[in-house]
Amino acid sequence: MVVKVSDDSGEACLSLFNEQAERIFGFSADELDKLKPQEGEEKRFQHKMKDAIWVPNLFQISVAQHEYKNEKRQWITARAVVQDDFEAESRFLLDEISKMKTSQ
C-alpha cells in the first residue's frame, strides 16, 4: 500500500507493508480489501480511511535510490510505525529536566 504523509518539512509517498498498514488503519489489508467500495458500501470504506487522516505517527523509514532510463527515483519504505504518545514523551522530558537540575 502506498500512502502520502506530510510534516512541516514537506510530503512524501511511503510504501507500507501489511504490519505497518495495520498500525495506521487498525485493520489488515484483507479486511481493507473486503471494505473496498462496492455499490452502496462507499461510506464504510471512506469512514475507515478518514479515521487515519491527521493522526500523528512516527515512522522509521528506509530510502533507496534507483536509476531508470537516466531518471533517478527514490523508493521510501516504512519499516516501523508508532503512534505519538505525547503523555509518555512529556513524562520522559520532565524526568530529564529534573535530572539536569539535580546534577547542577
PDB file of N, CA and C in Angstrom:
ATOM      1  N   MET A   1       0.845  -1.158   0.000  1.00  0.00           N
ATOM      2  CA  MET A   1       0.000   0.000   0.000  1.00  0.00           C
ATOM      3  C   MET A   1       0.898   1.232   0.000  1.00  0.00           C
ATOM      4  N   VAL A   2       0.511   2.227  -0.752  1.00  0.00           N
ATOM      5  CA  VAL A   2       1.260   3.477  -0.805  1.00  0.00           C
ATOM      6  C   VAL A   2       0.392   4.572  -0.199  1.00  0.00           C
ATOM      7  N   VAL A   3       0.980   5.339   0.720  1.00  0.00           N
ATOM      8  CA  VAL A   3       0.268   6.441   1.366  1.00  0.00           C
ATOM      9  C   VAL A   3       1.096   7.704   1.249  1.00  0.00           C
ATOM     10  N   LYS A   4       0.421   8.839   1.285  1.00  0.00           N
ATOM     11  CA  LYS A   4       1.107  10.130   1.273  1.00  0.00           C
ATOM     12  C   LYS A   4       1.130  10.644   2.706  1.00  0.00           C
ATOM     13  N   VAL A   5       2.324  10.987   3.195  1.00  0.00           N
ATOM     14  CA  VAL A   5       2.478  11.523   4.540  1.00  0.00           C
ATOM     15  C   VAL A   5       3.090  12.910   4.431  1.00  0.00           C
ATOM     16  N   SER A   6       2.838  13.743   5.453  1.00  0.00           N
ATOM     17  CA  SER A   6       3.390  15.094   5.421  1.00  0.00           C
ATOM     18  C   SER A   6       3.739  15.545   6.826  1.00  0.00           C
ATOM     19  N   ASP A   7       4.679  16.477   6.879  1.00  0.00           N
ATOM     20  CA  ASP A   7       5.029  17.162   8.117  1.00  0.00           C
ATOM     21  C   ASP A   7       5.392  18.592   7.741  1.00  0.00           C
ATOM     22  N   ASP A   8       5.997  19.311   8.666  1.00  0.00           N
ATOM     23  CA  ASP A   8       6.296  20.716   8.380  1.00  0.00           C
ATOM     24  C   ASP A   8       7.381  20.906   7.332  1.00  0.00           C
ATOM     25  N   SER A   9       8.134  19.839   7.013  1.00  0.00           N
ATOM     26  CA  SER A   9       9.193  19.966   6.022  1.00  0.00           C
ATOM     27  C   SER A   9       8.742  19.601   4.608  1.00  0.00           C
ATOM     28  N   GLY A  10       7.577  18.981   4.480  1.00  0.00           N
ATOM     29  CA  GLY A  10       7.095  18.608   3.156  1.00  0.00           C
ATOM     30  C   GLY A  10       6.263  17.345   3.204  1.00  0.00           C
ATOM     31  N   GLU A  11       6.173  16.694   2.062  1.00  0.00           N
ATOM     32  CA  GLU A  11       5.392  15.464   1.986  1.00  0.00           C
ATOM     33  C   GLU A  11       6.122  14.436   1.147  1.00  0.00           C
ATOM     34  N   ALA A  12       5.743  13.166   1.352  1.00  0.00           N
ATOM     35  CA  ALA A  12       6.372  12.072   0.623  1.00  0.00           C
ATOM     36  C   ALA A  12       5.390  10.912   0.526  1.00  0.00           C
ATOM     37  N   CYS A  13       5.605  10.063  -0.452  1.00  0.00           N
ATOM     38  CA  CYS A  13       4.812   8.843  -0.592  1.00  0.00           C
ATOM     39  C   CYS A  13       5.607   7.693   0.004  1.00  0.00           C
ATOM     40  N   LEU A  14       4.978   6.947   0.902  1.00  0.00           N
ATOM     41  CA  LEU A  14       5.623   5.821   1.561  1.00  0.00           C
ATOM     42  C   LEU A  14       4.966   4.523   1.139  1.00  0.00           C
ATOM     43  N   SER A  15       5.787   3.511   0.947  1.00  0.00           N
ATOM     44  CA  SER A  15       5.264   2.165   0.738  1.00  0.00           C
ATOM     45  C   SER A  15       5.127   1.509   2.098  1.00  0.00           C
ATOM     46  N   LEU A  16       3.978   0.904   2.342  1.00  0.00           N
ATOM     47  CA  LEU A  16       3.725   0.233   3.614  1.00  0.00           C
ATOM     48  C   LEU A  16       3.509  -1.249   3.383  1.00  0.00           C
ATOM     49  N   PHE A  17       4.030  -2.049   4.282  1.00  0.00           N
ATOM     50  CA  PHE A  17       3.715  -3.461   4.295  1.00  0.00           C
ATOM     51  C   PHE A  17       2.502  -3.648   5.202  1.00  0.00           C
ATOM     52  N   ASN A  18       1.955  -4.844   5.228  1.00  0.00           N
ATOM     53  CA  ASN A  18       0.724  -5.098   5.965  1.00  0.00           C
ATOM     54  C   ASN A  18       0.840  -4.718   7.442  1.00  0.00           C
ATOM     55  N   GLU A  19       1.963  -5.056   8.078  1.00  0.00           N
ATOM     56  CA  GLU A  19       2.127  -4.765   9.511  1.00  0.00           C
ATOM     57  C   GLU A  19       2.044  -3.269   9.801  1.00  0.00           C
ATOM     58  N   GLN A  20       2.703  -2.461   8.980  1.00  0.00           N
ATOM     59  CA  GLN A  20       2.667  -1.015   9.185  1.00  0.00           C
ATOM     60  C   GLN A  20       1.278  -0.454   8.867  1.00  0.00           C
ATOM     61  N   ALA A  21       0.645  -0.968   7.836  1.00  0.00           N
ATOM     62  CA  ALA A  21      -0.698  -0.504   7.469  1.00  0.00           C
ATOM     63  C   ALA A  21      -1.696  -0.814   8.583  1.00  0.00           C
ATOM     64  N   GLU A  22      -1.546  -1.973   9.218  1.00  0.00           N
ATOM     65  CA  GLU A  22      -2.437  -2.326  10.329  1.00  0.00           C
ATOM     66  C   GLU A  22      -2.302  -1.337  11.478  1.00  0.00           C
ATOM     67  N   ARG A  23      -1.084  -0.889  11.751  1.00  0.00           N
ATOM     68  CA  ARG A  23      -0.878   0.066  12.847  1.00  0.00           C
ATOM     69  C   ARG A  23      -1.491   1.428  12.530  1.00  0.00           C
ATOM     70  N   ILE A  24      -1.494   1.807  11.269  1.00  0.00           N
ATOM     71  CA  ILE A  24      -2.049   3.108  10.885  1.00  0.00           C
ATOM     72  C   ILE A  24      -3.574   3.047  10.791  1.00  0.00           C
ATOM     73  N   PHE A  25      -4.086   2.041  10.098  1.00  0.00           N
ATOM     74  CA  PHE A  25      -5.517   1.976   9.823  1.00  0.00           C
ATOM     75  C   PHE A  25      -6.304   1.152  10.840  1.00  0.00           C
ATOM     76  N   GLY A  26      -5.619   0.272  11.554  1.00  0.00           N
ATOM     77  CA  GLY A  26      -6.308  -0.537  12.559  1.00  0.00           C
ATOM     78  C   GLY A  26      -6.947  -1.798  12.017  1.00  0.00           C
ATOM     79  N   PHE A  27      -6.643  -2.159  10.771  1.00  0.00           N
ATOM     80  CA  PHE A  27      -7.160  -3.400  10.214  1.00  0.00           C
ATOM     81  C   PHE A  27      -6.217  -3.876   9.116  1.00  0.00           C
ATOM     82  N   SER A  28      -6.306  -5.151   8.771  1.00  0.00           N
ATOM     83  CA  SER A  28      -5.375  -5.755   7.819  1.00  0.00           C
ATOM     84  C   SER A  28      -5.742  -5.405   6.380  1.00  0.00           C
ATOM     85  N   ALA A  29      -4.835  -5.727   5.487  1.00  0.00           N
ATOM     86  CA  ALA A  29      -5.065  -5.479   4.062  1.00  0.00           C
ATOM     87  C   ALA A  29      -6.230  -6.324   3.551  1.00  0.00           C
ATOM     88  N   ASP A  30      -6.376  -7.534   4.073  1.00  0.00           N
ATOM     89  CA  ASP A  30      -7.503  -8.376   3.663  1.00  0.00           C
ATOM     90  C   ASP A  30      -8.831  -7.745   4.066  1.00  0.00           C
ATOM     91  N   GLU A  31      -8.884  -7.201   5.287  1.00  0.00           N
ATOM     92  CA  GLU A  31     -10.100  -6.526   5.745  1.00  0.00           C
ATOM     93  C   GLU A  31     -10.373  -5.280   4.914  1.00  0.00           C
ATOM     94  N   LEU A  32      -9.314  -4.562   4.549  1.00  0.00           N
ATOM     95  CA  LEU A  32      -9.458  -3.381   3.706  1.00  0.00           C
ATOM     96  C   LEU A  32     -10.003  -3.770   2.337  1.00  0.00           C
ATOM     97  N   ASP A  33      -9.505  -4.869   1.804  1.00  0.00           N
ATOM     98  CA  ASP A  33      -9.969  -5.341   0.501  1.00  0.00           C
ATOM     99  C   ASP A  33     -11.460  -5.666   0.535  1.00  0.00           C
ATOM    100  N   LYS A  34     -11.907  -6.239   1.657  1.00  0.00           N
ATOM    101  CA  LYS A  34     -13.333  -6.555   1.795  1.00  0.00           C
ATOM    102  C   LYS A  34     -14.190  -5.292   1.876  1.00  0.00           C
ATOM    103  N   LEU A  35     -13.595  -4.197   2.393  1.00  0.00           N
ATOM    104  CA  LEU A  35     -14.332  -2.937   2.535  1.00  0.00           C
ATOM    105  C   LEU A  35     -14.316  -2.076   1.281  1.00  0.00           C
ATOM    106  N   LYS A  36     -13.522  -2.487   0.278  1.00  0.00           N
ATOM    107  CA  LYS A  36     -13.433  -1.672  -0.933  1.00  0.00           C
ATOM    108  C   LYS A  36     -14.826  -1.324  -1.423  1.00  0.00           C
ATOM    109  N   PRO A  37     -14.944  -0.123  -1.923  1.00  0.00           N
ATOM    110  CA  PRO A  37     -16.280   0.339  -2.294  1.00  0.00           C
ATOM    111  C   PRO A  37     -16.972  -0.573  -3.293  1.00  0.00           C
ATOM    112  N   GLN A  38     -18.091  -1.067  -2.857  1.00  0.00           N
ATOM    113  CA  GLN A  38     -18.999  -1.765  -3.748  1.00  0.00           C
ATOM    114  C   GLN A  38     -20.275  -0.937  -3.741  1.00  0.00           C
ATOM    115  N   GLU A  39     -21.195  -1.285  -4.525  1.00  0.00           N
ATOM    116  CA  GLU A  39     -22.422  -0.478  -4.607  1.00  0.00           C
ATOM    117  C   GLU A  39     -23.063  -0.340  -3.234  1.00  0.00           C
ATOM    118  N   GLY A  40     -23.223   0.892  -2.776  1.00  0.00           N
ATOM    119  CA  GLY A  40     -23.882   1.161  -1.516  1.00  0.00           C
ATOM    120  C   GLY A  40     -22.987   1.073  -0.291  1.00  0.00           C
ATOM    121  N   GLU A  41     -21.727   0.658  -0.442  1.00  0.00           N
ATOM    122  CA  GLU A  41     -20.841   0.486   0.707  1.00  0.00           C
ATOM    123  C   GLU A  41     -19.690   1.482   0.712  1.00  0.00           C
ATOM    124  N   GLU A  42     -19.793   2.536  -0.059  1.00  0.00           N
ATOM    125  CA  GLU A  42     -18.714   3.511  -0.155  1.00  0.00           C
ATOM    126  C   GLU A  42     -18.483   4.241   1.159  1.00  0.00           C
ATOM    127  N   LYS A  43     -19.520   4.467   1.937  1.00  0.00           N
ATOM    128  CA  LYS A  43     -19.392   5.227   3.172  1.00  0.00           C
ATOM    129  C   LYS A  43     -18.537   4.494   4.203  1.00  0.00           C
ATOM    130  N   ARG A  44     -18.671   3.179   4.323  1.00  0.00           N
ATOM    131  CA  ARG A  44     -17.875   2.415   5.291  1.00  0.00           C
ATOM    132  C   ARG A  44     -16.387   2.513   4.957  1.00  0.00           C
ATOM    133  N   PHE A  45     -16.058   2.362   3.680  1.00  0.00           N
ATOM    134  CA  PHE A  45     -14.663   2.438   3.236  1.00  0.00           C
ATOM    135  C   PHE A  45     -14.101   3.829   3.491  1.00  0.00           C
ATOM    136  N   GLN A  46     -14.823   4.859   3.106  1.00  0.00           N
ATOM    137  CA  GLN A  46     -14.364   6.232   3.286  1.00  0.00           C
ATOM    138  C   GLN A  46     -14.227   6.582   4.758  1.00  0.00           C
ATOM    139  N   HIS A  47     -15.139   6.092   5.592  1.00  0.00           N
ATOM    140  CA  HIS A  47     -15.071   6.351   7.028  1.00  0.00           C
ATOM    141  C   HIS A  47     -13.794   5.763   7.626  1.00  0.00           C
ATOM    142  N   LYS A  48     -13.429   4.552   7.229  1.00  0.00           N
ATOM    143  CA  LYS A  48     -12.205   3.914   7.727  1.00  0.00           C
ATOM    144  C   LYS A  48     -10.964   4.704   7.292  1.00  0.00           C
ATOM    145  N   MET A  49     -10.969   5.203   6.068  1.00  0.00           N
ATOM    146  CA  MET A  49      -9.833   5.966   5.574  1.00  0.00           C
ATOM    147  C   MET A  49      -9.727   7.306   6.304  1.00  0.00           C
ATOM    148  N   LYS A  50     -10.845   7.967   6.554  1.00  0.00           N
ATOM    149  CA  LYS A  50     -10.842   9.263   7.230  1.00  0.00           C
ATOM    150  C   LYS A  50     -10.382   9.143   8.680  1.00  0.00           C
ATOM    151  N   ASP A  51     -10.606   7.988   9.302  1.00  0.00           N
ATOM    152  CA  ASP A  51     -10.162   7.793  10.689  1.00  0.00           C
ATOM    153  C   ASP A  51      -8.642   7.879  10.818  1.00  0.00           C
ATOM    154  N   ALA A  52      -7.920   7.594   9.737  1.00  0.00           N
ATOM    155  CA  ALA A  52      -6.456   7.597   9.781  1.00  0.00           C
ATOM    156  C   ALA A  52      -5.847   8.936   9.372  1.00  0.00           C
ATOM    157  N   ILE A  53      -6.659   9.850   8.865  1.00  0.00           N
ATOM    158  CA  ILE A  53      -6.142  11.138   8.397  1.00  0.00           C
ATOM    159  C   ILE A  53      -5.844  12.044   9.585  1.00  0.00           C
ATOM    160  N   TRP A  54      -4.741  12.737   9.518  1.00  0.00           N
ATOM    161  CA  TRP A  54      -4.280  13.704  10.505  1.00  0.00           C
ATOM    162  C   TRP A  54      -4.004  13.096  11.883  1.00  0.00           C
ATOM    163  N   VAL A  55      -3.701  11.804  11.912  1.00  0.00           N
ATOM    164  CA  VAL A  55      -3.285  11.155  13.156  1.00  0.00           C
ATOM    165  C   VAL A  55      -1.761  11.175  13.171  1.00  0.00           C
ATOM    166  N   PRO A  56      -1.142  11.785  14.192  1.00  0.00           N
ATOM    167  CA  PRO A  56       0.322  11.848  14.209  1.00  0.00           C
ATOM    168  C   PRO A  56       0.946  10.481  14.458  1.00  0.00           C
ATOM    169  N   ASN A  57       1.913  10.128  13.628  1.00  0.00           N
ATOM    170  CA  ASN A  57       2.659   8.883  13.738  1.00  0.00           C
ATOM    171  C   ASN A  57       4.145   9.171  13.594  1.00  0.00           C
ATOM    172  N   LEU A  58       4.950   8.307  14.158  1.00  0.00           N
ATOM    173  CA  LEU A  58       6.394   8.344  13.952  1.00  0.00           C
ATOM    174  C   LEU A  58       6.760   7.196  13.037  1.00  0.00           C
ATOM    175  N   PHE A  59       7.548   7.483  12.007  1.00  0.00           N
ATOM    176  CA  PHE A  59       7.927   6.472  11.030  1.00  0.00           C
ATOM    177  C   PHE A  59       9.425   6.232  11.059  1.00  0.00           C
ATOM    178  N   GLN A  60       9.804   4.967  11.010  1.00  0.00           N
ATOM    179  CA  GLN A  60      11.199   4.618  10.742  1.00  0.00           C
ATOM    180  C   GLN A  60      11.188   4.173   9.285  1.00  0.00           C
ATOM    181  N   ILE A  61      11.971   4.856   8.468  1.00  0.00           N
ATOM    182  CA  ILE A  61      11.909   4.603   7.032  1.00  0.00           C
ATOM    183  C   ILE A  61      13.272   4.202   6.484  1.00  0.00           C
ATOM    184  N   SER A  62      13.245   3.600   5.306  1.00  0.00           N
ATOM    185  CA  SER A  62      14.472   3.369   4.546  1.00  0.00           C
ATOM    186  C   SER A  62      14.250   3.968   3.160  1.00  0.00           C
ATOM    187  N   VAL A  63      15.317   4.523   2.622  1.00  0.00           N
ATOM    188  CA  VAL A  63      15.236   5.177   1.321  1.00  0.00           C
ATOM    189  C   VAL A  63      16.257   4.536   0.392  1.00  0.00           C
ATOM    190  N   ALA A  64      15.793   4.134  -0.763  1.00  0.00           N
ATOM    191  CA  ALA A  64      16.688   3.573  -1.778  1.00  0.00           C
ATOM    192  C   ALA A  64      16.501   4.382  -3.050  1.00  0.00           C
ATOM    193  N   GLN A  65      17.615   4.670  -3.704  1.00  0.00           N
ATOM    194  CA  GLN A  65      17.545   5.450  -4.929  1.00  0.00           C
ATOM    195  C   GLN A  65      17.881   4.536  -6.103  1.00  0.00           C
ATOM    196  N   HIS A  66      17.031   4.570  -7.117  1.00  0.00           N
ATOM    197  CA  HIS A  66      17.221   3.756  -8.309  1.00  0.00           C
ATOM    198  C   HIS A  66      17.259   4.670  -9.517  1.00  0.00           C
ATOM    199  N   GLU A  67      17.976   4.216 -10.536  1.00  0.00           N
ATOM    200  CA  GLU A  67      18.029   4.982 -11.769  1.00  0.00           C
ATOM    201  C   GLU A  67      17.445   4.129 -12.881  1.00  0.00           C
ATOM    202  N   TYR A  68      16.514   4.697 -13.604  1.00  0.00           N
ATOM    203  CA  TYR A  68      15.860   4.006 -14.701  1.00  0.00           C
ATOM    204  C   TYR A  68      15.778   4.970 -15.874  1.00  0.00           C
ATOM    205  N   LYS A  69      16.401   4.599 -16.984  1.00  0.00           N
ATOM    206  CA  LYS A  69      16.439   5.441 -18.180  1.00  0.00           C
ATOM    207  C   LYS A  69      16.958   6.836 -17.849  1.00  0.00           C
ATOM    208  N   ASN A  70      18.065   6.883 -17.131  1.00  0.00           N
ATOM    209  CA  ASN A  70      18.733   8.117 -16.717  1.00  0.00           C
ATOM    210  C   ASN A  70      17.852   9.023 -15.857  1.00  0.00           C
ATOM    211  N   GLU A  71      16.856   8.456 -15.218  1.00  0.00           N
ATOM    212  CA  GLU A  71      15.991   9.211 -14.310  1.00  0.00           C
ATOM    213  C   GLU A  71      16.115   8.600 -12.918  1.00  0.00           C
ATOM    214  N   LYS A  72      16.482   9.442 -11.952  1.00  0.00           N
ATOM    215  CA  LYS A  72      16.648   8.953 -10.588  1.00  0.00           C
ATOM    216  C   LYS A  72      15.303   8.971  -9.864  1.00  0.00           C
ATOM    217  N   ARG A  73      15.020   7.868  -9.165  1.00  0.00           N
ATOM    218  CA  ARG A  73      13.780   7.762  -8.398  1.00  0.00           C
ATOM    219  C   ARG A  73      14.108   7.285  -6.987  1.00  0.00           C
ATOM    220  N   GLN A  74      13.342   7.764  -6.042  1.00  0.00           N
ATOM    221  CA  GLN A  74      13.508   7.336  -4.667  1.00  0.00           C
ATOM    222  C   GLN A  74      12.359   6.425  -4.274  1.00  0.00           C
ATOM    223  N   TRP A  75      12.688   5.330  -3.606  1.00  0.00           N
ATOM    224  CA  TRP A  75      11.691   4.433  -3.051  1.00  0.00           C
ATOM    225  C   TRP A  75      11.784   4.565  -1.536  1.00  0.00           C
ATOM    226  N   ILE A  76      10.732   5.039  -0.909  1.00  0.00           N
ATOM    227  CA  ILE A  76      10.708   5.221   0.539  1.00  0.00           C
ATOM    228  C   ILE A  76       9.776   4.163   1.122  1.00  0.00           C
ATOM    229  N   THR A  77      10.320   3.373   2.037  1.00  0.00           N
ATOM    230  CA  THR A  77       9.554   2.289   2.643  1.00  0.00           C
ATOM    231  C   THR A  77       9.514   2.479   4.148  1.00  0.00           C
ATOM    232  N   ALA A  78       8.331   2.367   4.722  1.00  0.00           N
ATOM    233  CA  ALA A  78       8.182   2.450   6.180  1.00  0.00           C
ATOM    234  C   ALA A  78       8.578   1.102   6.777  1.00  0.00           C
ATOM    235  N   ARG A  79       9.527   1.120   7.696  1.00  0.00           N
ATOM    236  CA  ARG A  79       9.971  -0.103   8.368  1.00  0.00           C
ATOM    237  C   ARG A  79       9.278  -0.291   9.708  1.00  0.00           C
ATOM    238  N   ALA A  80       8.887   0.807  10.348  1.00  0.00           N
ATOM    239  CA  ALA A  80       8.178   0.745  11.623  1.00  0.00           C
ATOM    240  C   ALA A  80       7.290   1.978  11.746  1.00  0.00           C
ATOM    241  N   VAL A  81       6.159   1.805  12.406  1.00  0.00           N
ATOM    242  CA  VAL A  81       5.210   2.896  12.627  1.00  0.00           C
ATOM    243  C   VAL A  81       4.774   2.852  14.084  1.00  0.00           C
ATOM    244  N   VAL A  82       4.837   4.007  14.743  1.00  0.00           N
ATOM    245  CA  VAL A  82       4.404   4.120  16.128  1.00  0.00           C
ATOM    246  C   VAL A  82       3.568   5.388  16.249  1.00  0.00           C
ATOM    247  N   GLN A  83       2.418   5.280  16.896  1.00  0.00           N
ATOM    248  CA  GLN A  83       1.622   6.485  17.126  1.00  0.00           C
ATOM    249  C   GLN A  83       2.269   7.305  18.223  1.00  0.00           C
ATOM    250  N   ASP A  84       2.210   8.618  18.060  1.00  0.00           N
ATOM    251  CA  ASP A  84       2.768   9.523  19.063  1.00  0.00           C
ATOM    252  C   ASP A  84       2.076   9.315  20.407  1.00  0.00           C
ATOM    253  N   ASP A  85       2.881   9.266  21.465  1.00  0.00           N
ATOM    254  CA  ASP A  85       2.353   9.193  22.827  1.00  0.00           C
ATOM    255  C   ASP A  85       2.855  10.433  23.546  1.00  0.00           C
ATOM    256  N   PHE A  86       2.074  11.506  23.453  1.00  0.00           N
ATOM    257  CA  PHE A  86       2.501  12.786  23.999  1.00  0.00           C
ATOM    258  C   PHE A  86       2.671  12.733  25.511  1.00  0.00           C
ATOM    259  N   GLU A  87       1.859  11.947  26.187  1.00  0.00           N
ATOM    260  CA  GLU A  87       1.958  11.836  27.637  1.00  0.00           C
ATOM    261  C   GLU A  87       3.278  11.194  28.043  1.00  0.00           C
ATOM    262  N   ALA A  88       3.646  10.102  27.399  1.00  0.00           N
ATOM    263  CA  ALA A  88       4.908   9.428  27.714  1.00  0.00           C
ATOM    264  C   ALA A  88       6.106  10.311  27.357  1.00  0.00           C
ATOM    265  N   GLU A  89       6.026  11.005  26.233  1.00  0.00           N
ATOM    266  CA  GLU A  89       7.111  11.893  25.821  1.00  0.00           C
ATOM    267  C   GLU A  89       7.276  13.038  26.817  1.00  0.00           C
ATOM    268  N   SER A  90       6.170  13.596  27.287  1.00  0.00           N
ATOM    269  CA  SER A  90       6.237  14.674  28.280  1.00  0.00           C
ATOM    270  C   SER A  90       6.838  14.190  29.587  1.00  0.00           C
ATOM    271  N   ARG A  91       6.437  13.000  30.024  1.00  0.00           N
ATOM    272  CA  ARG A  91       6.996  12.430  31.252  1.00  0.00           C
ATOM    273  C   ARG A  91       8.509  12.237  31.130  1.00  0.00           C
ATOM    274  N   PHE A  92       8.934  11.709  29.981  1.00  0.00           N
ATOM    275  CA  PHE A  92      10.357  11.494  29.734  1.00  0.00           C
ATOM    276  C   PHE A  92      11.120  12.816  29.796  1.00  0.00           C
ATOM    277  N   LEU A  93      10.601  13.839  29.136  1.00  0.00           N
ATOM    278  CA  LEU A  93      11.278  15.134  29.124  1.00  0.00           C
ATOM    279  C   LEU A  93      11.333  15.763  30.514  1.00  0.00           C
ATOM    280  N   LEU A  94      10.253  15.638  31.278  1.00  0.00           N
ATOM    281  CA  LEU A  94      10.258  16.161  32.650  1.00  0.00           C
ATOM    282  C   LEU A  94      11.276  15.436  33.519  1.00  0.00           C
ATOM    283  N   ASP A  95      11.399  14.133  33.342  1.00  0.00           N
ATOM    284  CA  ASP A  95      12.413  13.370  34.085  1.00  0.00           C
ATOM    285  C   ASP A  95      13.816  13.825  33.714  1.00  0.00           C
ATOM    286  N   GLU A  96      14.046  14.064  32.445  1.00  0.00           N
ATOM    287  CA  GLU A  96      15.363  14.521  32.001  1.00  0.00           C
ATOM    288  C   GLU A  96      15.681  15.905  32.563  1.00  0.00           C
ATOM    289  N   ILE A  97      14.691  16.783  32.585  1.00  0.00           N
ATOM    290  CA  ILE A  97      14.892  18.128  33.147  1.00  0.00           C
ATOM    291  C   ILE A  97      15.201  18.036  34.634  1.00  0.00           C
ATOM    292  N   SER A  98      14.474  17.185  35.358  1.00  0.00           N
ATOM    293  CA  SER A  98      14.724  17.057  36.793  1.00  0.00           C
ATOM    294  C   SER A  98      16.115  16.458  37.060  1.00  0.00           C
ATOM    295  N   LYS A  99      16.585  15.560  36.219  1.00  0.00           N
ATOM    296  CA  LYS A  99      17.940  15.022  36.362  1.00  0.00           C
ATOM    297  C   LYS A  99      18.989  16.119  36.155  1.00  0.00           C
ATOM    298  N   MET A 100      18.726  17.005  35.170  1.00  0.00           N
ATOM    299  CA  MET A 100      19.666  18.098  34.912  1.00  0.00           C
ATOM    300  C   MET A 100      19.699  19.061  36.085  1.00  0.00           C
ATOM    301  N   LYS A 101      18.568  19.322  36.718  1.00  0.00           N
ATOM    302  CA  LYS A 101      18.508  20.234  37.857  1.00  0.00           C
ATOM    303  C   LYS A 101      19.226  19.662  39.060  1.00  0.00           C
ATOM    304  N   THR A 102      19.088  18.369  39.305  1.00  0.00           N
ATOM    305  CA  THR A 102      19.735  17.751  40.477  1.00  0.00           C
ATOM    306  C   THR A 102      21.238  17.615  40.282  1.00  0.00           C
ATOM    307  N   SER A 103      21.702  17.531  39.049  1.00  0.00           N
ATOM    308  CA  SER A 103      23.139  17.388  38.821  1.00  0.00           C
ATOM    309  C   SER A 103      23.872  18.725  38.917  1.00  0.00           C
ATOM    310  N   GLN A 104      23.157  19.832  38.932  1.00  0.00           N
ATOM    311  CA  GLN A 104      23.810  21.149  38.978  1.00  0.00           C
ATOM    312  C   GLN A 104      24.105  21.560  40.375  1.00  0.00           C
TER     313      GLN A 104
END
